[in-house]
Amino acid sequence: MLLLDKLCQNLQKGVCSISIMIGYILRQRYKIVDKLGSGGFGETYLAEYPQDLPVRPKYKCVIKRLIRPPTPDLDTEERFKKEAAILFKLGKEHCQIPELYDFFEENREFYLVQEFIEGHDLSNEIISGKRWSEADVIQLLQEMLEVLVFVHQHNVIHRDIKPLNLMRRYVDNKLVLIDFGAIKEISTFKVNIQGQISSTITIGTRDYMPSEQWEGHPQLSSDIYALGMTAIQALTGLTPQQLPKSKTLELKWRDYAQINDGLAKFLTKMVQRDFRQRYKNADQALQALKLALFNSQSSVTSVTMQARKLAQLRLESPVSSPKILFPNLAQLALQLSVVSLKLVKIGGKYGYVGQTGKLVIQAQFDIARDFSEGWAAVNIGGRESLFGGESGGKWGYIDKMGSWVIKPMFNMAYSLRNGQAKVEIGGQERIIDKTGMFID
């Protein structure tokens, strides 16, 4: 009897009640080194591969074992292959969705082998009692909506967007969308007397799940609701359970965050109880967000011109002008302009293009990261491996005009976060601030 068979009990019922042992090797290739988590749909492990090739060091991957449904049949297996194929396509074509390396069935269990994301989930950043700034929330919304536009274009609903499923990748500070719900649904399938397949459990997390999804009818706009709830949680510092609701069960959150009206209206529409009142998909929501920011930017310009006139009057008159409270939308407009520069690879070199696709910073870097807080980490003389690793060369930082703010001097450099960045120099990890000084 195989080791995995010994570990599993009641296999005839399709339930594995004992975890895979640390050190077990799946398909002679993937060695289990740690257990990352478990839930009602299966378990997640960290593994090293390839064990069947003389490669050093080994690479890391994530293996998800799905609990086999109580009444599996050929249709269930076909559904597993179909959903795995979708994950494969999504991961291959978008850098903020984990790649699917392999999928298989072994000892009557379904397995997925996915890219390991070195980072932390947003539950480490969205903390109860701590409020995010408007700029940070807008960056979260824009970045995740851009990912969801791609997902929704493939007619895929994630179904479980929440802080735990948004990973902050260390290497470039990007958010990665993990743990798609459709593949987990296979674990809940049952077959009735007529041979029809249905799901026994609703996929998703209740606090971030709209009513139509709870009732078993998820829409593309269900993802919009979940992302809106996540953004409101970040803005208010309150969990979904702590936020009150009206008599009509609409979320009452506006009094808990001091933000621009345009952004507030946008978020309120995202979390409407009736899915028909929400943005119907990510593309519609993203366009609405850009319009809200454009209108806000226009307001900032108007306020700034008025401020200049008042400043001139103050110079000409001994009478002091009244104190003016400026909205922090100028910061948001700056943040948006930074986010709008996109990394592009041309002829083996990296550069940056603007929103129109026009080259803004010439393709000249051997490795590069996306802009974050006005800076981008770039490498001269390094190279990327086939497995996604980076080696050699020196790292520095440029601004959005393409000028060096810190010339290449680091062995490794990561994106800015809250005005700080991790770098490696002289065999040590250090932290720098935006003056380029070490602060650790």
Protein backbone atom coordinates (compact mmCIF):
# COMPACT_ATOMS: atom_id res chain seq x y z
CA MET A 1 0.00 0.00 0.00
CA LEU A 2 1.29 3.46 -0.90
CA LEU A 3 2.22 5.91 1.87
CA LEU A 4 -0.48 8.37 0.88
CA ASP A 5 -3.05 5.58 1.02
CA LYS A 6 -1.93 4.85 4.58
CA LEU A 7 -2.32 8.50 5.48
CA CYS A 8 -5.86 8.71 4.13
CA GLN A 9 -8.84 7.26 5.90
CA ASN A 10 -12.29 6.57 4.53
CA LEU A 11 -11.12 6.93 0.93
CA GLN A 12 -14.18 5.02 -0.17
CA LYS A 13 -16.14 8.06 1.03
CA GLY A 14 -13.82 10.43 -0.78
CA VAL A 15 -12.60 12.10 2.42
CA CYS A 16 -8.96 12.37 3.46
CA SER A 17 -8.86 13.10 7.19
CA ILE A 18 -5.07 13.18 7.70
CA SER A 19 -2.62 15.64 6.21
CA ILE A 20 0.19 14.65 3.88
CA MET A 21 3.38 14.03 5.83
CA ILE A 22 6.19 16.57 5.62
CA GLY A 23 8.85 15.04 3.40
CA TYR A 24 6.44 13.09 1.21
CA ILE A 25 7.23 13.29 -2.51
CA LEU A 26 4.36 13.58 -4.99
CA ARG A 27 4.83 12.18 -8.48
CA GLN A 28 8.53 11.71 -7.71
CA ARG A 29 8.94 15.47 -8.28
CA TYR A 30 7.39 17.63 -5.54
CA LYS A 31 8.67 17.29 -1.97
CA ILE A 32 6.31 18.57 0.74
CA VAL A 33 8.28 20.82 3.12
CA ASP A 34 5.55 22.69 5.02
CA LYS A 35 1.80 22.99 5.48
CA LEU A 36 0.54 26.48 4.67
CA GLY A 37 -3.14 26.09 5.53
CA SER A 38 -6.31 24.05 5.39
CA GLY A 39 -10.03 24.59 5.02
CA GLY A 40 -13.28 23.01 4.04
CA PHE A 41 -12.14 22.49 0.46
CA GLY A 42 -8.68 21.02 0.99
CA GLU A 43 -5.17 21.76 2.14
CA THR A 44 -2.28 23.89 0.90
CA TYR A 45 1.39 22.94 1.12
CA LEU A 46 4.77 24.42 0.34
CA ALA A 47 6.89 22.10 -1.78
CA GLU A 48 10.33 21.99 -3.41
CA TYR A 49 10.98 20.81 -6.94
CA PRO A 50 12.29 19.20 -9.09
CA GLN A 51 13.27 16.18 -6.98
CA ASP A 52 13.78 14.09 -10.12
CA LEU A 53 16.47 16.37 -11.60
CA PRO A 54 19.95 17.30 -10.28
CA VAL A 55 19.05 20.96 -9.84
CA ARG A 56 20.45 23.09 -7.00
CA PRO A 57 19.00 25.01 -5.37
CA LYS A 58 15.50 23.57 -5.56
CA TYR A 59 12.62 25.86 -6.48
CA LYS A 60 9.54 26.47 -4.36
CA CYS A 61 5.94 25.91 -5.37
CA VAL A 62 2.52 25.70 -3.76
CA ILE A 63 0.55 22.46 -3.89
CA LYS A 64 -3.18 22.45 -3.25
CA ARG A 65 -4.88 19.17 -2.51
CA LEU A 66 -8.63 19.32 -3.04
CA ILE A 67 -10.93 17.18 -0.94
CA ARG A 68 -12.55 14.73 -3.28
CA PRO A 69 -16.34 15.17 -3.53
CA PRO A 70 -18.56 12.56 -1.83
CA THR A 71 -19.89 11.26 -5.16
CA PRO A 72 -17.16 11.74 -7.79
CA ASP A 73 -17.71 10.68 -11.39
CA LEU A 74 -16.25 11.28 -14.83
CA ASP A 75 -18.01 14.64 -15.12
CA THR A 76 -16.29 15.80 -11.92
CA GLU A 77 -12.89 14.86 -13.33
CA GLU A 78 -13.65 16.70 -16.56
CA ARG A 79 -14.74 19.76 -14.58
CA PHE A 80 -11.47 19.65 -12.65
CA LYS A 81 -9.48 19.59 -15.90
CA LYS A 82 -11.56 22.41 -17.35
CA GLU A 83 -11.13 24.67 -14.32
CA ALA A 84 -7.42 23.83 -14.13
CA ALA A 85 -7.06 24.78 -17.80
CA ILE A 86 -8.65 28.17 -17.05
CA LEU A 87 -6.23 28.76 -14.16
CA PHE A 88 -3.35 27.76 -16.42
CA LYS A 89 -4.37 30.31 -19.05
CA LEU A 90 -4.96 33.11 -16.53
CA GLY A 91 -1.62 32.55 -14.81
CA LYS A 92 0.30 32.33 -18.07
CA GLU A 93 -1.14 35.54 -19.46
CA HIS A 94 -1.14 37.82 -16.40
CA CYS A 95 1.80 38.47 -14.08
CA GLN A 96 -0.43 39.19 -11.07
CA ILE A 97 -2.09 35.77 -11.07
CA PRO A 98 -0.03 32.76 -9.91
CA GLU A 99 1.07 30.42 -12.67
CA LEU A 100 -0.29 26.89 -12.68
CA TYR A 101 2.66 24.55 -13.23
CA ASP A 102 0.86 21.21 -13.08
CA PHE A 103 -2.41 19.52 -12.19
CA PHE A 104 -3.06 15.85 -11.67
CA GLU A 105 -5.01 13.17 -9.83
CA GLU A 106 -3.18 10.80 -7.50
CA ASN A 107 -4.60 8.24 -5.09
CA ARG A 108 -8.09 9.50 -5.90
CA GLU A 109 -7.22 13.08 -4.90
CA PHE A 110 -7.03 16.20 -7.08
CA TYR A 111 -3.85 18.32 -6.96
CA LEU A 112 -2.81 21.74 -8.27
CA VAL A 113 0.82 22.86 -8.43
CA GLN A 114 1.12 26.65 -8.49
CA GLU A 115 3.70 29.40 -8.41
CA PHE A 116 4.90 30.32 -4.92
CA ILE A 117 4.47 34.04 -4.23
CA GLU A 118 7.13 35.41 -1.90
CA GLY A 119 5.22 38.02 0.06
CA HIS A 120 2.46 38.63 2.58
CA ASP A 121 -1.30 38.92 2.29
CA LEU A 122 -3.14 42.19 2.89
CA SER A 123 -4.50 41.07 6.24
CA ASN A 124 -1.06 42.18 7.45
CA GLU A 125 -1.72 45.70 6.14
CA ILE A 126 -5.49 46.10 6.54
CA ILE A 127 -5.55 46.11 10.31
CA SER A 128 -8.50 46.82 12.60
CA GLY A 129 -8.29 50.38 13.92
CA LYS A 130 -5.77 51.50 11.29
CA ARG A 131 -7.01 53.66 8.40
CA TRP A 132 -5.39 53.75 4.99
CA SER A 133 -4.92 57.01 3.14
CA GLU A 134 -7.03 57.83 0.08
CA ALA A 135 -3.93 57.51 -2.10
CA ASP A 136 -3.22 53.98 -0.90
CA VAL A 137 -6.84 52.89 -1.32
CA ILE A 138 -7.01 54.30 -4.83
CA GLN A 139 -3.82 52.48 -5.74
CA LEU A 140 -5.34 49.26 -4.34
CA LEU A 141 -8.55 49.78 -6.33
CA GLN A 142 -6.84 50.65 -9.59
CA GLU A 143 -4.32 47.83 -9.39
CA MET A 144 -6.86 45.13 -8.53
CA LEU A 145 -9.48 46.37 -10.99
CA GLU A 146 -6.89 46.14 -13.75
CA VAL A 147 -6.30 42.50 -12.80
CA LEU A 148 -10.04 41.84 -12.62
CA VAL A 149 -10.59 43.38 -16.05
CA PHE A 150 -8.41 40.60 -17.43
CA VAL A 151 -10.20 37.96 -15.34
CA HIS A 152 -13.69 39.16 -16.28
CA GLN A 153 -12.74 39.33 -19.97
CA HIS A 154 -12.38 35.55 -19.72
CA ASN A 155 -15.84 35.38 -18.11
CA VAL A 156 -14.32 34.13 -14.86
CA ILE A 157 -15.62 35.15 -11.42
CA HIS A 158 -13.05 34.96 -8.63
CA ARG A 159 -15.73 34.58 -5.90
CA ASP A 160 -13.45 35.04 -2.89
CA ILE A 161 -11.77 38.46 -3.00
CA LYS A 162 -10.69 39.52 0.48
CA PRO A 163 -7.47 40.72 2.18
CA LEU A 164 -6.26 37.13 2.71
CA ASN A 165 -6.40 36.46 -1.03
CA LEU A 166 -4.48 39.58 -2.08
CA MET A 167 -0.73 38.95 -1.79
CA ARG A 168 1.85 41.76 -1.68
CA ARG A 169 4.75 40.34 -3.70
CA TYR A 170 8.08 41.39 -2.19
CA VAL A 171 10.10 41.49 -5.37
CA ASP A 172 8.09 44.28 -7.04
CA ASN A 173 5.47 45.36 -4.45
CA LYS A 174 2.65 44.30 -6.78
CA LEU A 175 -0.59 42.74 -5.56
CA VAL A 176 -1.23 39.17 -6.70
CA LEU A 177 -4.74 37.69 -6.82
CA ILE A 178 -4.74 34.14 -5.43
CA ASP A 179 -7.13 31.33 -4.53
CA PHE A 180 -9.79 31.38 -7.26
CA GLY A 181 -13.07 29.92 -6.03
CA ALA A 182 -14.28 27.87 -9.02
CA ILE A 183 -11.68 25.13 -8.63
CA LYS A 184 -12.61 24.73 -4.94
CA GLU A 185 -16.24 24.19 -5.86
CA ILE A 186 -15.34 20.77 -7.25
CA SER A 187 -14.86 19.55 -3.67
CA THR A 188 -18.52 20.29 -2.92
CA PHE A 189 -20.12 18.51 -5.88
CA LYS A 190 -22.83 15.92 -5.44
CA VAL A 191 -24.74 13.92 -8.03
CA ASN A 192 -28.51 13.50 -7.65
CA ILE A 193 -30.68 10.59 -8.74
CA GLN A 194 -31.05 12.08 -12.22
CA GLY A 195 -27.26 12.26 -12.56
CA GLN A 196 -27.15 16.06 -12.35
CA ILE A 197 -24.20 17.73 -10.63
CA SER A 198 -24.74 20.49 -8.09
CA SER A 199 -22.65 22.23 -5.45
CA THR A 200 -23.45 21.61 -1.79
CA ILE A 201 -21.64 24.67 -0.36
CA THR A 202 -21.49 28.32 -1.40
CA ILE A 203 -17.95 29.38 -2.31
CA GLY A 204 -16.67 32.60 -0.75
CA THR A 205 -16.28 34.40 2.58
CA ARG A 206 -19.50 35.67 4.15
CA ASP A 207 -18.24 39.12 5.20
CA TYR A 208 -17.19 39.93 1.63
CA MET A 209 -19.94 38.06 -0.18
CA PRO A 210 -22.98 39.82 -1.71
CA SER A 211 -26.46 38.38 -1.35
CA GLU A 212 -26.73 36.93 -4.88
CA GLN A 213 -23.55 34.92 -4.36
CA TRP A 214 -24.76 33.71 -0.97
CA GLU A 215 -27.88 32.45 -2.71
CA GLY A 216 -25.79 30.53 -5.25
CA HIS A 217 -25.98 32.95 -8.20
CA PRO A 218 -22.62 34.79 -8.40
CA GLN A 219 -22.20 37.55 -10.99
CA LEU A 220 -19.15 39.39 -12.29
CA SER A 221 -20.33 42.26 -10.11
CA SER A 222 -20.00 39.98 -7.07
CA ASP A 223 -16.23 40.49 -7.35
CA ILE A 224 -16.81 44.26 -7.49
CA TYR A 225 -18.73 44.06 -4.21
CA ALA A 226 -15.96 42.06 -2.51
CA LEU A 227 -13.22 44.45 -3.66
CA GLY A 228 -15.34 47.42 -2.54
CA MET A 229 -15.76 45.86 0.91
CA THR A 230 -12.00 45.34 1.13
CA ALA A 231 -11.33 48.97 0.18
CA ILE A 232 -13.89 50.29 2.68
CA GLN A 233 -12.33 48.14 5.39
CA ALA A 234 -8.94 49.67 4.60
CA LEU A 235 -10.36 53.22 4.60
CA THR A 236 -12.34 52.93 7.83
CA GLY A 237 -10.20 50.55 9.85
CA LEU A 238 -13.40 48.61 10.57
CA THR A 239 -14.18 45.01 9.66
CA PRO A 240 -17.32 44.30 7.58
CA GLN A 241 -19.03 43.02 10.72
CA GLN A 242 -18.35 46.29 12.55
CA LEU A 243 -19.97 48.44 9.87
CA PRO A 244 -23.68 49.20 10.38
CA LYS A 245 -26.40 48.68 7.79
CA SER A 246 -29.56 50.57 6.96
CA LYS A 247 -33.09 49.18 7.20
CA THR A 248 -32.77 48.19 3.55
CA LEU A 249 -29.51 46.36 4.41
CA GLU A 250 -27.30 48.84 2.55
CA LEU A 251 -23.87 49.43 4.08
CA LYS A 252 -23.56 52.64 6.15
CA TRP A 253 -19.86 53.42 6.09
CA ARG A 254 -19.57 57.05 4.92
CA ASP A 255 -19.35 58.57 8.41
CA TYR A 256 -16.27 56.51 9.24
CA ALA A 257 -13.97 57.93 6.55
CA GLN A 258 -13.12 61.51 5.59
CA ILE A 259 -12.66 61.22 1.83
CA ASN A 260 -13.55 62.98 -1.38
CA ASP A 261 -17.20 62.74 -2.45
CA GLY A 262 -16.30 61.32 -5.85
CA LEU A 263 -14.43 58.39 -4.34
CA ALA A 264 -17.17 57.89 -1.74
CA LYS A 265 -19.87 57.65 -4.42
CA PHE A 266 -17.72 55.24 -6.39
CA LEU A 267 -17.26 52.92 -3.39
CA THR A 268 -20.92 53.12 -2.42
CA LYS A 269 -21.93 51.94 -5.87
CA MET A 270 -19.44 49.06 -5.64
CA VAL A 271 -21.17 47.66 -2.55
CA GLN A 272 -24.83 48.11 -3.47
CA ARG A 273 -26.91 45.20 -2.18
CA ASP A 274 -28.72 44.81 -5.52
CA PHE A 275 -26.15 43.60 -8.05
CA ARG A 276 -28.02 45.46 -10.80
CA GLN A 277 -27.14 48.75 -9.07
CA ARG A 278 -23.40 48.00 -9.03
CA TYR A 279 -20.83 48.30 -11.79
CA LYS A 280 -21.53 45.19 -13.83
CA ASN A 281 -17.88 44.23 -14.30
CA ALA A 282 -14.32 45.37 -13.59
CA ASP A 283 -13.90 47.31 -16.83
CA GLN A 284 -16.95 49.46 -16.11
CA ALA A 285 -15.75 50.04 -12.55
CA LEU A 286 -12.23 50.96 -13.65
CA GLN A 287 -13.50 53.52 -16.17
CA ALA A 288 -15.74 55.03 -13.47
CA LEU A 289 -12.78 55.24 -11.08
CA LYS A 290 -10.65 57.02 -13.68
CA LEU A 291 -13.47 59.47 -14.36
CA ALA A 292 -13.89 60.16 -10.63
CA LEU A 293 -10.16 60.81 -10.30
CA PHE A 294 -10.10 63.02 -13.38
CA ASN A 295 -12.93 65.14 -11.98
CA SER A 296 -11.15 65.30 -8.63
CA GLN A 297 -7.92 66.33 -10.34
CA SER A 298 -9.80 69.14 -12.09
CA SER A 299 -11.10 70.28 -8.70
CA VAL A 300 -7.56 70.29 -7.32
CA THR A 301 -6.38 72.45 -10.23
CA SER A 302 -9.19 74.93 -9.56
CA VAL A 303 -8.44 75.08 -5.83
CA THR A 304 -4.71 75.48 -6.52
CA MET A 305 -5.31 78.49 -8.82
CA GLN A 306 -7.52 80.10 -6.17
CA ALA A 307 -4.80 79.48 -3.60
CA ARG A 308 -2.21 81.19 -5.81
CA LYS A 309 -4.46 84.25 -6.13
CA LEU A 310 -4.93 84.36 -2.36
CA ALA A 311 -1.18 84.00 -1.84
CA GLN A 312 -0.59 86.98 -4.17
CA LEU A 313 -3.15 89.04 -2.27
CA ARG A 314 -1.39 88.12 0.96
CA LEU A 315 1.90 89.47 -0.43
CA GLU A 316 0.22 92.73 -1.43
CA SER A 317 -1.70 93.26 1.80
CA PRO A 318 -0.69 93.26 5.48
CA VAL A 319 -4.02 91.64 6.30
CA SER A 320 -3.57 87.87 6.69
CA SER A 321 -5.61 85.62 4.45
CA PRO A 322 -7.96 83.02 5.90
CA LYS A 323 -6.53 79.52 6.36
CA ILE A 324 -7.47 77.24 3.45
CA LEU A 325 -7.84 73.49 3.90
CA PHE A 326 -6.66 71.82 0.71
CA PRO A 327 -8.07 68.41 -0.15
CA ASN A 328 -5.40 65.73 -0.40
CA LEU A 329 -6.51 64.95 -3.95
CA ALA A 330 -3.31 66.47 -5.30
CA GLN A 331 -1.51 63.54 -3.74
CA LEU A 332 -4.00 61.20 -5.40
CA ALA A 333 -3.43 62.78 -8.79
CA LEU A 334 0.32 62.38 -8.38
CA GLN A 335 -0.15 58.78 -7.30
CA LEU A 336 -2.28 58.11 -10.36
CA SER A 337 0.31 59.56 -12.72
CA VAL A 338 2.97 57.31 -11.20
CA VAL A 339 0.80 54.21 -11.49
CA SER A 340 0.08 55.04 -15.15
CA LEU A 341 3.68 54.26 -16.19
CA LYS A 342 3.79 50.62 -17.26
CA LEU A 343 6.79 48.33 -17.50
CA VAL A 344 7.49 47.06 -21.02
CA LYS A 345 10.18 44.78 -22.50
CA ILE A 346 11.57 45.68 -25.92
CA GLY A 347 14.43 43.81 -27.55
CA GLY A 348 15.42 42.16 -24.28
CA LYS A 349 15.57 45.47 -22.36
CA TYR A 350 13.04 47.08 -20.01
CA GLY A 351 11.55 50.55 -20.27
CA TYR A 352 8.28 52.30 -19.41
CA VAL A 353 5.28 53.42 -21.46
CA GLY A 354 2.51 55.89 -20.66
CA GLN A 355 -1.26 55.36 -20.76
CA THR A 356 -1.32 55.81 -24.55
CA GLY A 357 1.34 53.14 -25.02
CA LYS A 358 3.99 55.69 -26.04
CA LEU A 359 7.51 55.00 -24.76
CA VAL A 360 8.26 57.45 -21.93
CA ILE A 361 11.49 55.97 -20.55
CA GLN A 362 13.71 54.27 -23.12
CA ALA A 363 14.13 50.47 -22.89
CA GLN A 364 17.64 50.28 -21.45
CA PHE A 365 17.49 48.22 -18.24
CA ASP A 366 18.36 44.52 -17.94
CA ILE A 367 15.86 43.98 -15.10
CA ALA A 368 13.26 46.42 -13.82
CA ARG A 369 10.33 46.70 -11.45
CA ASP A 370 7.12 48.72 -11.59
CA PHE A 371 6.96 52.24 -10.21
CA SER A 372 5.96 52.55 -6.57
CA GLU A 373 5.67 55.89 -4.78
CA GLY A 374 7.45 57.65 -7.63
CA TRP A 375 10.50 55.39 -7.83
CA ALA A 376 11.30 52.26 -9.81
CA ALA A 377 14.11 49.82 -8.98
CA VAL A 378 16.14 49.01 -12.11
CA ASN A 379 19.17 46.84 -12.82
CA ILE A 380 22.14 47.30 -15.12
CA GLY A 381 24.16 44.24 -16.15
CA GLY A 382 21.99 41.58 -14.51
CA ARG A 383 20.00 38.73 -16.02
CA GLU A 384 16.77 36.82 -15.45
CA SER A 385 16.66 33.01 -15.35
CA LEU A 386 14.09 30.83 -17.07
CA PHE A 387 12.57 30.07 -13.66
CA GLY A 388 12.05 33.73 -12.78
CA GLY A 389 15.20 34.26 -10.70
CA GLU A 390 17.46 37.31 -10.90
CA SER A 391 21.24 37.53 -10.63
CA GLY A 392 24.18 39.81 -11.30
CA GLY A 393 24.47 43.46 -12.16
CA LYS A 394 23.80 46.41 -9.90
CA TRP A 395 20.49 47.94 -8.82
CA GLY A 396 19.54 51.57 -8.46
CA TYR A 397 16.40 53.74 -8.52
CA ILE A 398 14.97 56.11 -11.14
CA ASP A 399 12.14 58.64 -10.98
CA LYS A 400 9.29 58.85 -13.47
CA MET A 401 11.31 61.23 -15.64
CA GLY A 402 13.90 58.48 -16.11
CA SER A 403 16.54 60.27 -14.00
CA TRP A 404 18.67 58.44 -11.46
CA VAL A 405 17.73 59.18 -7.85
CA ILE A 406 20.14 56.51 -6.58
CA LYS A 407 22.73 55.28 -9.07
CA PRO A 408 23.32 51.50 -9.38
CA MET A 409 25.13 50.27 -6.28
CA PHE A 410 23.00 47.51 -4.71
CA ASN A 411 23.18 43.74 -5.24
CA MET A 412 19.38 43.65 -4.94
CA ALA A 413 16.71 46.32 -4.58
CA TYR A 414 12.98 46.15 -3.92
CA SER A 415 10.10 48.54 -4.46
CA LEU A 416 9.29 51.40 -2.11
CA ARG A 417 6.58 50.97 0.50
CA ASN A 418 5.65 53.81 2.86
CA GLY A 419 8.78 55.73 1.85
CA GLN A 420 11.17 52.86 2.54
CA ALA A 421 12.75 50.07 0.51
CA LYS A 422 14.74 46.94 1.27
CA VAL A 423 18.12 46.61 -0.46
CA GLU A 424 21.07 44.23 -0.33
CA ILE A 425 24.63 45.52 -0.27
CA GLY A 426 27.86 43.94 0.90
CA GLY A 427 26.08 40.70 1.73
CA GLN A 428 23.66 42.43 4.13
CA GLU A 429 20.00 43.41 3.90
CA ARG A 430 19.46 47.10 4.68
CA ILE A 431 16.56 49.58 4.65
CA ILE A 432 16.81 52.94 2.88
CA ASP A 433 14.50 55.96 2.87
CA LYS A 434 13.73 58.34 0.00
CA THR A 435 16.85 60.38 0.74
CA GLY A 436 18.91 57.28 -0.03
CA MET A 437 20.14 57.02 3.57
CA PHE A 438 20.26 53.74 5.49
CA ILE A 439 17.80 53.87 8.39
CA ASP A 440 18.30 50.47 10.02
